Amino acid sequence: MIQETFPIIVSGAEVLNERILLTHVENGLLMNGL
Protein backbone atom coordinates (compact mmCIF):
# COMPACT_ATOMS: atom_id res chain seq x y z
CA MET A 1 0.00 0.00 0.00
CA ILE A 2 0.97 3.66 0.05
CA GLN A 3 2.18 3.52 3.65
CA GLU A 4 4.75 0.87 2.71
CA THR A 5 6.09 2.48 -0.44
CA PHE A 6 5.90 6.08 0.71
CA PRO A 7 7.67 6.55 4.07
CA ILE A 8 6.71 9.57 6.13
CA ILE A 9 9.68 11.78 7.01
CA VAL A 10 8.43 14.85 8.85
CA SER A 11 5.27 15.01 10.92
CA GLY A 12 4.67 18.53 9.62
CA ALA A 13 4.82 17.40 5.99
CA GLU A 14 3.02 14.16 6.84
CA VAL A 15 -0.44 15.70 6.59
CA LEU A 16 0.41 17.56 3.37
CA ASN A 17 1.95 14.47 1.77
CA GLU A 18 -0.98 12.29 2.80
CA ARG A 19 -3.50 14.78 1.46
CA ILE A 20 -1.58 15.20 -1.79
CA LEU A 21 -1.15 11.45 -2.19
CA LEU A 22 -4.80 10.80 -1.40
CA THR A 23 -5.94 13.40 -3.93
CA HIS A 24 -3.59 12.00 -6.59
CA VAL A 25 -4.70 8.44 -5.89
CA GLU A 26 -8.36 9.42 -5.94
CA ASN A 27 -7.89 11.39 -9.17
CA GLY A 28 -5.98 8.47 -10.69
CA LEU A 29 -8.71 6.02 -9.75
CA LEU A 30 -11.37 8.32 -11.16
CA MET A 31 -9.39 8.81 -14.37
CA ASN A 32 -8.85 5.04 -14.66
CA GLY A 33 -12.57 4.52 -14.23
CA LEU A 34 -12.24 2.35 -11.11
C-alpha atoms as a PDB file:
ATOM      1  CA  MET A   1       0.000   0.000   0.000  1.00  0.00           C
ATOM      2  CA  ILE A   2       0.965   3.658   0.049  1.00  0.00           C
ATOM      3  CA  GLN A   3       2.183   3.524   3.647  1.00  0.00           C
ATOM      4  CA  GLU A   4       4.746   0.868   2.711  1.00  0.00           C
ATOM      5  CA  THR A   5       6.094   2.478  -0.444  1.00  0.00           C
ATOM      6  CA  PHE A   6       5.899   6.084   0.710  1.00  0.00           C
ATOM      7  CA  PRO A   7       7.670   6.546   4.072  1.00  0.00           C
ATOM      8  CA  ILE A   8       6.712   9.565   6.131  1.00  0.00           C
ATOM      9  CA  ILE A   9       9.678  11.782   7.006  1.00  0.00           C
ATOM     10  CA  VAL A  10       8.427  14.853   8.847  1.00  0.00           C
ATOM     11  CA  SER A  11       5.267  15.012  10.924  1.00  0.00           C
ATOM     12  CA  GLY A  12       4.665  18.534   9.621  1.00  0.00           C
ATOM     13  CA  ALA A  13       4.822  17.398   5.992  1.00  0.00           C
ATOM     14  CA  GLU A  14       3.016  14.157   6.837  1.00  0.00           C
ATOM     15  CA  VAL A  15      -0.436  15.700   6.587  1.00  0.00           C
ATOM     16  CA  LEU A  16       0.411  17.558   3.372  1.00  0.00           C
ATOM     17  CA  ASN A  17       1.949  14.470   1.771  1.00  0.00           C
ATOM     18  CA  GLU A  18      -0.980  12.292   2.804  1.00  0.00           C
ATOM     19  CA  ARG A  19      -3.503  14.784   1.456  1.00  0.00           C
ATOM     20  CA  ILE A  20      -1.581  15.204  -1.793  1.00  0.00           C
ATOM     21  CA  LEU A  21      -1.147  11.452  -2.190  1.00  0.00           C
ATOM     22  CA  LEU A  22      -4.800  10.797  -1.403  1.00  0.00           C
ATOM     23  CA  THR A  23      -5.939  13.395  -3.927  1.00  0.00           C
ATOM     24  CA  HIS A  24      -3.589  12.004  -6.590  1.00  0.00           C
ATOM     25  CA  VAL A  25      -4.699   8.442  -5.893  1.00  0.00           C
ATOM     26  CA  GLU A  26      -8.365   9.424  -5.942  1.00  0.00           C
ATOM     27  CA  ASN A  27      -7.888  11.386  -9.166  1.00  0.00           C
ATOM     28  CA  GLY A  28      -5.978   8.472 -10.688  1.00  0.00           C
ATOM     29  CA  LEU A  29      -8.707   6.016  -9.748  1.00  0.00           C
ATOM     30  CA  LEU A  30     -11.372   8.317 -11.160  1.00  0.00           C
ATOM     31  CA  MET A  31      -9.390   8.805 -14.367  1.00  0.00           C
ATOM     32  CA  ASN A  32      -8.853   5.041 -14.659  1.00  0.00           C
ATOM     33  CA  GLY A  33     -12.572   4.516 -14.227  1.00  0.00           C
ATOM     34  CA  LEU A  34     -12.244   2.348 -11.113  1.00  0.00           C
END
